[in-house]
Protein backbone atom coordinates (compact mmCIF):
# COMPACT_ATOMS: atom_id res chain seq x y z
CA MET A 1 0.00 0.00 0.00
CA GLY A 2 1.31 3.45 -0.96
CA LYS A 3 1.77 6.39 1.38
CA THR A 4 0.30 9.86 1.76
CA ILE A 5 2.56 12.92 2.05
CA SER A 6 2.25 12.87 5.85
CA GLU A 7 3.14 9.19 6.08
CA LYS A 8 6.19 9.73 3.88
CA ILE A 9 7.52 12.67 5.89
CA LEU A 10 7.03 10.92 9.23
CA SER A 11 8.65 7.78 7.79
CA ASN A 12 11.66 9.83 6.70
CA LYS A 13 12.00 11.61 10.04
CA SER A 14 11.46 8.54 12.23
CA GLY A 15 13.43 6.04 10.17
CA THR A 16 10.43 3.69 10.27
CA ASP A 17 7.73 2.49 7.90
CA ALA A 18 5.21 4.94 9.33
CA LYS A 19 1.54 4.36 8.58
CA ALA A 20 -1.64 6.06 9.75
CA GLY A 21 -2.47 5.23 13.34
CA GLN A 22 1.06 4.33 14.40
CA ILE A 23 3.05 6.31 16.95
CA VAL A 24 6.59 7.30 15.95
CA LEU A 25 9.50 9.19 17.51
CA ALA A 26 10.61 11.61 14.81
CA LYS A 27 13.45 14.09 14.45
CA ILE A 28 12.31 17.66 14.07
CA ASP A 29 13.99 20.06 11.65
CA ARG A 30 12.93 23.26 13.33
CA ALA A 31 10.93 24.61 16.26
CA MET A 32 9.36 28.02 16.84
CA SER A 33 7.78 29.77 19.81
CA HIS A 34 6.39 33.25 20.43
CA ASP A 35 5.46 35.66 23.21
CA GLY A 36 1.86 34.45 23.42
CA ASN A 37 2.79 31.29 25.33
CA ARG A 38 2.33 31.03 29.12
CA PRO A 39 4.69 29.75 30.35
CA ILE A 40 7.18 30.10 27.54
CA PRO A 41 8.81 26.79 26.50
CA LEU A 42 12.27 27.90 27.57
CA ASP A 43 11.11 28.35 31.18
CA ILE A 44 9.85 24.76 31.20
CA TRP A 45 13.05 23.57 29.49
CA LYS A 46 15.06 25.29 32.24
CA ASP A 47 12.88 23.88 35.05
CA LEU A 48 13.40 20.39 33.62
CA GLY A 49 17.14 20.85 33.90
CA GLY A 50 17.77 21.89 30.32
CA LYS A 51 21.48 22.22 29.54
CA LYS A 52 21.49 22.80 25.80
CA ILE A 53 19.21 23.31 22.81
CA PHE A 54 19.20 20.50 20.22
CA ASP A 55 20.22 22.93 17.45
CA PRO A 56 20.34 26.63 18.40
CA LYS A 57 20.12 27.85 14.81
CA ASN A 58 16.88 25.89 14.33
CA TYR A 59 14.95 27.09 17.36
CA ILE A 60 13.34 30.39 16.42
CA LEU A 61 11.90 32.94 18.87
CA ILE A 62 9.42 35.56 17.63
CA ILE A 63 7.77 38.46 19.45
CA ASP A 64 4.48 39.16 17.67
CA HIS A 65 1.36 38.49 19.73
CA SER A 66 1.52 41.63 21.88
CA ALA A 67 3.96 43.86 20.06
CA PRO A 68 4.78 46.50 21.14
CA SER A 69 4.01 45.38 24.69
CA PRO A 70 0.89 46.94 26.26
CA VAL A 71 1.53 45.99 29.92
CA GLU A 72 4.36 45.30 32.35
CA SER A 73 3.80 41.53 32.55
CA ILE A 74 4.17 41.11 28.79
CA SER A 75 7.18 43.44 28.73
CA ASN A 76 8.84 41.06 31.17
CA VAL A 77 8.11 38.11 28.88
CA HIS A 78 9.70 40.00 25.99
CA LYS A 79 12.72 40.82 28.13
CA LYS A 80 13.11 37.18 29.13
CA MET A 81 12.94 36.03 25.48
CA ARG A 82 15.67 38.50 24.53
CA GLN A 83 17.84 37.28 27.40
CA TYR A 84 17.40 33.63 26.41
CA ALA A 85 18.23 34.45 22.80
CA LYS A 86 21.47 36.11 23.85
CA GLN A 87 22.49 33.42 26.36
CA LEU A 88 21.71 30.45 24.10
CA ASN A 89 22.64 32.05 20.76
CA LEU A 90 19.12 31.71 19.38
CA LYS A 91 17.60 33.61 16.47
CA LEU A 92 15.10 36.19 17.74
CA PHE A 93 12.74 38.27 15.61
CA ASP A 94 11.82 41.22 17.79
CA VAL A 95 8.92 43.68 17.84
CA GLY A 96 7.92 44.89 14.38
CA GLU A 97 9.40 42.05 12.34
CA GLY A 98 5.97 40.53 11.88
CA VAL A 99 3.72 37.57 12.58
CA CYS A 100 5.56 34.34 13.42
CA HIS A 101 4.06 32.25 10.61
CA GLN A 102 4.74 34.86 7.94
CA ILE A 103 8.33 35.27 9.13
CA MET A 104 8.95 31.53 9.03
CA VAL A 105 7.87 31.14 5.42
CA GLU A 106 9.26 34.36 3.95
CA LYS A 107 12.68 33.97 5.61
CA GLY A 108 13.19 30.45 4.21
CA LEU A 109 12.76 28.84 7.65
CA ALA A 110 10.20 26.31 6.38
CA LEU A 111 11.20 24.06 3.49
CA PRO A 112 9.59 21.16 1.59
CA GLY A 113 9.94 17.75 3.19
CA GLU A 114 10.67 19.11 6.67
CA LEU A 115 9.08 18.40 10.03
CA ILE A 116 8.45 21.61 12.00
CA ILE A 117 6.69 22.24 15.30
CA GLY A 118 5.58 25.53 16.76
CA SER A 119 3.94 26.69 19.97
CA ASP A 120 0.96 28.02 18.03
CA SER A 121 -1.97 26.13 16.55
CA HIS A 122 -1.61 27.84 13.17
CA THR A 123 1.88 26.45 12.61
CA CYS A 124 0.06 24.28 10.05
CA THR A 125 0.35 27.32 7.72
CA TYR A 126 3.75 26.09 6.49
CA GLY A 127 2.19 22.98 4.96
CA ALA A 128 1.53 24.96 1.80
CA LEU A 129 5.25 24.44 1.21
CA ASN A 130 4.88 20.64 1.13
CA LEU A 131 6.03 19.94 4.68
CA PHE A 132 4.61 18.57 7.92
CA ALA A 133 4.11 21.46 10.37
CA THR A 134 1.95 21.37 13.47
CA GLY A 135 1.31 23.23 16.71
CA MET A 136 2.14 21.93 20.18
CA GLY A 137 1.96 23.11 23.78
CA SER A 138 4.85 24.68 25.66
CA THR A 139 5.80 21.46 27.47
CA ASP A 140 5.98 19.49 24.22
CA ILE A 141 8.12 22.22 22.65
CA ALA A 142 10.39 22.24 25.71
CA MET A 143 11.03 18.51 25.44
CA ALA A 144 11.57 18.70 21.68
CA ILE A 145 14.13 21.51 21.82
CA ALA A 146 16.06 19.53 24.44
CA GLU A 147 16.10 16.26 22.51
CA GLY A 148 15.53 17.28 18.89
CA LYS A 149 12.74 14.70 18.72
CA GLN A 150 9.07 14.38 19.52
CA TRP A 151 6.37 11.71 19.50
CA PHE A 152 3.73 11.82 16.75
CA ARG A 153 0.72 9.73 15.95
CA VAL A 154 0.71 9.37 12.18
CA PRO A 155 -2.54 10.99 11.03
CA GLU A 156 -5.09 9.60 8.66
CA THR A 157 -5.53 11.80 5.59
CA ILE A 158 -8.47 13.48 3.90
CA ARG A 159 -7.64 14.31 0.30
CA ILE A 160 -9.05 17.58 -1.05
CA ILE A 161 -8.96 17.90 -4.83
CA LEU A 162 -9.38 21.41 -6.21
CA ASN A 163 -10.69 21.77 -9.76
CA GLY A 164 -11.41 24.84 -11.91
CA GLU A 165 -10.60 28.44 -11.01
CA LEU A 166 -11.95 30.86 -8.44
CA PRO A 167 -14.35 33.42 -9.99
CA LYS A 168 -13.55 37.13 -9.93
CA GLY A 169 -14.11 38.53 -6.45
CA VAL A 170 -13.75 35.13 -4.78
CA PHE A 171 -10.55 34.24 -2.93
CA SER A 172 -8.85 31.41 -1.08
CA LYS A 173 -10.32 32.73 2.20
CA ASP A 174 -13.77 32.07 0.76
CA LEU A 175 -12.66 28.57 -0.21
CA ILE A 176 -11.36 27.66 3.23
CA LEU A 177 -14.41 29.12 4.99
CA TYR A 178 -16.57 27.00 2.67
CA LEU A 179 -14.53 23.90 3.56
CA VAL A 180 -14.72 24.56 7.30
CA GLY A 181 -18.47 24.89 6.96
CA LYS A 182 -18.67 21.69 4.92
CA LEU A 183 -16.45 19.49 7.12
CA GLY A 184 -17.23 21.13 10.47
CA ALA A 185 -15.03 22.20 13.38
CA ASP A 186 -14.26 18.58 14.27
CA GLY A 187 -14.56 17.04 10.82
CA ALA A 188 -10.85 16.37 10.52
CA ASN A 189 -9.75 15.86 14.14
CA TYR A 190 -6.06 14.84 14.28
CA MET A 191 -6.07 14.23 10.54
CA ALA A 192 -4.02 15.58 7.67
CA LEU A 193 -5.71 17.59 4.94
CA GLU A 194 -3.84 16.96 1.70
CA PHE A 195 -4.59 19.49 -1.05
CA SER A 196 -4.05 18.74 -4.74
CA GLY A 197 -5.70 19.17 -8.14
CA GLU A 198 -5.44 21.36 -11.23
CA GLY A 199 -7.16 24.15 -9.36
CA LEU A 200 -4.04 24.81 -7.31
CA LYS A 201 -2.34 26.24 -10.40
CA SER A 202 -4.71 29.20 -10.30
CA ILE A 203 -3.90 29.99 -6.65
CA ASP A 204 -0.63 31.77 -5.87
CA MET A 205 1.53 31.02 -2.84
CA GLU A 206 0.26 33.91 -0.75
CA GLU A 207 -3.29 32.67 -1.17
CA ARG A 208 -2.27 29.07 -0.48
CA PHE A 209 -0.95 29.95 2.97
CA THR A 210 -4.46 31.15 3.84
CA ILE A 211 -5.81 27.68 3.08
CA THR A 212 -3.33 25.64 5.13
CA ASN A 213 -3.43 28.23 7.93
CA MET A 214 -7.05 27.34 8.67
CA ALA A 215 -6.73 23.55 8.41
CA VAL A 216 -6.68 23.48 12.21
CA GLU A 217 -10.15 25.09 12.25
CA MET A 218 -11.44 21.67 11.14
CA GLY A 219 -9.44 19.98 13.88
CA ALA A 220 -6.68 18.91 11.47
CA LYS A 221 -3.18 18.17 12.70
CA VAL A 222 -1.71 19.47 9.44
CA GLY A 223 -2.67 20.90 6.08
CA ILE A 224 -0.28 19.87 3.30
CA MET A 225 -0.13 20.69 -0.40
CA GLU A 226 1.36 18.70 -3.24
CA PRO A 227 4.39 20.49 -4.72
CA ASP A 228 4.28 22.22 -8.09
CA GLU A 229 6.31 24.74 -10.08
CA ILE A 230 4.65 27.72 -8.39
CA MET A 231 5.72 26.47 -4.98
CA ILE A 232 9.21 25.45 -6.10
CA LYS A 233 9.86 28.90 -7.59
CA TRP A 234 8.65 30.60 -4.40
CA VAL A 235 10.96 28.50 -2.20
CA LYS A 236 14.03 28.95 -4.44
CA GLU A 237 13.62 32.71 -4.21
CA ARG A 238 14.05 32.44 -0.44
CA THR A 239 16.72 29.81 0.12
CA LYS A 240 19.74 28.22 -1.49
CA LYS A 241 19.37 25.07 0.60
CA ILE A 242 18.65 21.74 -1.03
CA PHE A 243 15.16 20.47 -0.27
CA GLU A 244 13.17 17.32 -1.00
CA LEU A 245 9.76 17.33 -2.67
CA ILE A 246 7.27 14.85 -1.25
CA TYR A 247 4.51 13.46 -3.45
CA PRO A 248 1.78 11.01 -2.42
CA ASP A 249 1.87 7.56 -3.97
CA PRO A 250 -0.81 6.80 -6.59
CA ASP A 251 -2.15 4.02 -4.36
CA ALA A 252 -2.03 6.00 -1.11
CA LYS A 253 -4.91 5.25 1.24
CA TYR A 254 -7.20 8.15 2.11
CA LEU A 255 -9.94 8.23 4.72
CA GLU A 256 -12.05 10.41 2.45
CA THR A 257 -11.78 12.41 -0.78
CA VAL A 258 -13.47 15.79 -1.15
CA ILE A 259 -13.72 17.35 -4.62
CA VAL A 260 -14.28 21.10 -4.90
CA ASP A 261 -15.22 22.95 -8.09
CA LEU A 262 -13.67 26.35 -7.45
CA SER A 263 -15.67 27.98 -10.23
CA LYS A 264 -18.92 27.44 -8.31
CA LEU A 265 -17.81 29.24 -5.14
CA SER A 266 -18.95 32.69 -4.04
CA PRO A 267 -17.77 34.99 -1.24
CA TYR A 268 -18.29 33.36 2.16
CA ILE A 269 -18.73 34.78 5.65
CA SER A 270 -18.22 32.99 8.97
CA SER A 271 -20.78 34.25 11.48
CA PRO A 272 -20.34 34.42 15.27
CA HIS A 273 -19.30 32.53 17.29
CA GLN A 274 -17.93 29.50 15.41
CA VAL A 275 -15.76 29.33 12.31
CA GLU A 276 -17.95 26.51 10.99
CA ASN A 277 -20.88 28.96 10.82
CA ALA A 278 -19.88 29.63 7.21
CA LEU A 279 -22.52 31.08 4.90
CA PRO A 280 -22.67 32.47 1.36
CA ILE A 281 -22.44 36.23 1.68
CA GLU A 282 -25.97 36.69 0.35
CA GLU A 283 -27.33 35.38 3.66
CA VAL A 284 -25.75 38.14 5.75
CA LEU A 285 -25.68 41.10 3.34
CA GLY A 286 -26.52 44.39 5.01
CA THR A 287 -25.52 43.35 8.54
CA HIS A 288 -24.28 46.42 10.44
CA ILE A 289 -20.54 46.36 11.26
CA ASP A 290 -18.54 48.72 13.49
CA GLN A 291 -14.92 47.71 12.83
CA GLY A 292 -12.87 45.91 10.22
CA PHE A 293 -9.48 44.24 10.46
CA ILE A 294 -7.26 43.26 7.53
CA GLY A 295 -4.15 41.40 8.66
CA SER A 296 -3.03 38.40 10.76
CA CYS A 297 -1.18 35.22 9.76
CA THR A 298 -4.21 34.34 7.64
CA ASN A 299 -4.57 37.40 5.41
CA GLY A 300 -1.93 40.06 6.04
CA ARG A 301 0.16 39.37 2.95
CA LEU A 302 0.91 41.66 0.02
CA ALA A 303 -1.71 40.09 -2.25
CA ASP A 304 -4.32 40.75 0.45
CA LEU A 305 -3.29 44.39 0.78
CA ARG A 306 -3.34 44.87 -2.98
CA ILE A 307 -6.93 43.74 -3.39
CA ALA A 308 -8.03 45.83 -0.41
CA ALA A 309 -6.27 48.90 -1.86
CA LYS A 310 -7.92 48.32 -5.24
CA ILE A 311 -11.34 48.45 -3.61
CA LEU A 312 -10.50 51.43 -1.38
CA SER A 313 -8.61 53.44 -4.00
CA GLU A 314 -11.61 55.56 -5.01
CA ASN A 315 -13.66 55.19 -1.86
CA ASN A 316 -13.58 56.29 1.77
CA VAL A 317 -14.16 54.36 4.96
CA TYR A 318 -17.72 54.77 6.23
CA PRO A 319 -18.19 57.46 8.92
CA ASN A 320 -17.43 56.15 12.44
CA PHE A 321 -16.26 52.82 11.01
CA ARG A 322 -12.78 51.80 12.16
CA LEU A 323 -10.70 49.93 9.57
CA ILE A 324 -7.41 48.59 10.97
CA ILE A 325 -4.85 47.30 8.47
CA ILE A 326 -1.69 45.54 9.64
CA PRO A 327 0.86 44.01 7.23
CA ALA A 328 1.97 40.56 8.36
CA SER A 329 5.69 41.47 8.24
CA LYS A 330 8.11 44.34 7.89
CA GLU A 331 8.98 43.10 4.40
CA ILE A 332 5.33 43.28 3.38
CA LEU A 333 4.97 46.74 4.94
CA LEU A 334 7.97 48.05 3.00
CA ASN A 335 6.67 46.61 -0.27
CA ALA A 336 3.19 47.97 0.40
CA GLU A 337 4.64 51.42 1.01
CA LYS A 338 6.73 51.16 -2.17
CA GLU A 339 3.64 50.28 -4.21
CA GLY A 340 1.64 53.16 -2.74
CA LEU A 341 -0.80 50.90 -0.90
CA ILE A 342 -0.19 52.50 2.50
CA LYS A 343 -0.96 55.95 1.11
CA THR A 344 -4.17 54.59 -0.42
CA PHE A 345 -5.26 53.16 2.93
CA LEU A 346 -4.49 56.35 4.85
CA ASN A 347 -6.25 58.53 2.29
CA ALA A 348 -9.32 56.31 2.54
CA GLY A 349 -9.40 56.73 6.33
CA ALA A 350 -7.92 53.40 7.43
CA LEU A 351 -5.50 52.95 10.34
CA ILE A 352 -2.07 51.31 9.91
CA SER A 353 -0.14 49.65 12.73
CA VAL A 354 3.09 47.78 13.50
CA PRO A 355 3.52 44.38 11.76
CA GLY A 356 2.38 41.68 14.15
CA CYS A 357 -0.75 39.87 15.26
CA GLY A 358 -2.59 43.04 16.21
CA PRO A 359 -6.31 42.66 17.10
CA CYS A 360 -6.46 38.96 16.19
CA ALA A 361 -5.86 37.53 19.67
CA GLY A 362 -7.51 40.41 21.49
CA ASN A 363 -4.52 41.13 23.70
CA HIS A 364 -3.88 44.81 23.25
CA MET A 365 -5.22 46.44 20.11
CA GLY A 366 -8.55 47.07 18.39
CA ILE A 367 -10.65 45.53 21.15
CA PRO A 368 -14.33 46.17 20.33
CA ALA A 369 -16.87 47.60 22.77
CA ASP A 370 -19.86 45.72 24.16
CA GLY A 371 -22.38 44.96 21.44
CA GLU A 372 -20.10 45.94 18.58
CA ARG A 373 -19.55 43.81 15.49
CA VAL A 374 -16.19 43.28 13.82
CA ILE A 375 -15.46 41.82 10.40
CA SER A 376 -11.97 40.33 10.29
CA THR A 377 -9.64 38.49 7.93
CA SER A 378 -8.31 36.46 10.87
CA ASN A 379 -8.93 32.75 11.43
CA ARG A 380 -11.16 32.58 14.51
CA ASN A 381 -14.33 34.23 15.74
CA PHE A 382 -14.90 32.47 19.07
CA LYS A 383 -16.66 34.46 21.77
CA GLY A 384 -14.06 36.81 23.25
CA ARG A 385 -11.48 36.06 20.54
CA MET A 386 -10.77 39.74 19.89
CA GLY A 387 -10.82 40.70 23.55
CA ASN A 388 -14.50 41.21 24.38
CA ARG A 389 -16.98 38.38 25.00
CA ASN A 390 -19.83 40.84 24.49
CA ALA A 391 -18.85 41.62 20.91
CA GLU A 392 -19.36 39.64 17.69
CA VAL A 393 -16.74 38.72 15.09
CA PHE A 394 -17.42 37.80 11.46
CA LEU A 395 -14.68 36.30 9.28
CA ALA A 396 -14.21 37.17 5.61
CA SER A 397 -11.70 37.80 2.84
CA PRO A 398 -9.73 41.07 2.63
CA ALA A 399 -11.89 42.07 -0.34
CA THR A 400 -15.09 41.59 1.65
CA VAL A 401 -13.70 43.49 4.64
CA ALA A 402 -12.64 46.40 2.41
CA ALA A 403 -16.04 46.53 0.71
CA THR A 404 -17.79 46.39 4.09
CA ALA A 405 -15.63 49.25 5.39
CA ILE A 406 -16.94 51.49 2.63
CA LYS A 407 -20.62 50.95 3.44
CA GLY A 408 -20.51 50.13 7.15
CA LYS A 409 -22.44 46.93 6.54
CA ILE A 410 -21.55 43.52 5.10
CA THR A 411 -21.08 44.12 1.39
CA ASP A 412 -20.32 41.84 -1.55
CA PRO A 413 -16.83 42.76 -2.86
CA ARG A 414 -17.86 41.88 -6.41
CA GLU A 415 -19.79 45.14 -6.37
CA PHE A 416 -16.42 46.94 -6.50
CA LEU A 417 -14.59 44.48 -8.74
CA LYS A 418 -16.70 44.56 -11.90
CA ASP A 419 -13.94 45.86 -14.21
């Protein structure tokens, strides 16, 4: 019997004939943790008698969840991370460098065929680069950075075949919201979602990261894409390292196969308070919204900012509506400024902030008031996700958020993308 991509990677990293359902001890290529963890993995590592890190150059620290720090307690966490980085010779990306998942992929720190763990559930984002990446808790990260290994149960795989092309005004965020609604929040618990099909050729790398980022919203352990020329070109532009492409075998065993005709999709909205509450936009058109957010590890990339700027270029933000736009990294911010996107946003009445997670986790920025509604490009809309349990969060594509910002109510972006 052939193997899926996940089975092949875990076989390679464990030195065993890994098959779905088995438990293997596998070597990790890289680990990442950020300032949102309590306690941070290095504190646990130290308490357990940690003497050395398995590979200092491959344990990455990133300050992004509350950056710049809003309170003393978080400032102390940041200080501690900087001290650890200096003492242990670790790579640290400090305040303003960007969101951890964007930094990992754009800096060439996630490569095809690798096994990467991170202390954040959306570490699965990197799977768009044909690798096995998953989130773990601080204790698991602590043990892994001490030993360079971690236990994994080899996941069963759901194959998702994408056919056709997305229509104008419909984006990968709409696709993944549709899939979450179709499979449900627990429809892929501890499974791998393996994406393939001719439809991938019409989706660029920036859009692909949005898809794998939200695999965990279906309970998936990982989201992984088959490699193609688009992906290979993207990786080679960011690293000179040799990497291995992993393809599934023709006779690989899948738990289920889901076929999606991209051409039949429309803009989707996820309504409060569950991501799986995904609906075609027609069902919520006209809903009053108070604040919009374009950013996060899901949709803060340059392609996202470009489409938002296109919609806002000849329009202004609705009176008393707050539109917060945060590029996912410094590199994206610089490119957006170079292309004139930042000027477009400011002229339209939007607010720009430091690259990082921003309002997504609700720690320190853009927290809505009681009874307010937010439309966000982030990945979760659980009650209290953006800092206030008495507010409501809708999820949508950057295009839908930009269109909504103009009218102050949920608006179909195709209205502004007719040309």
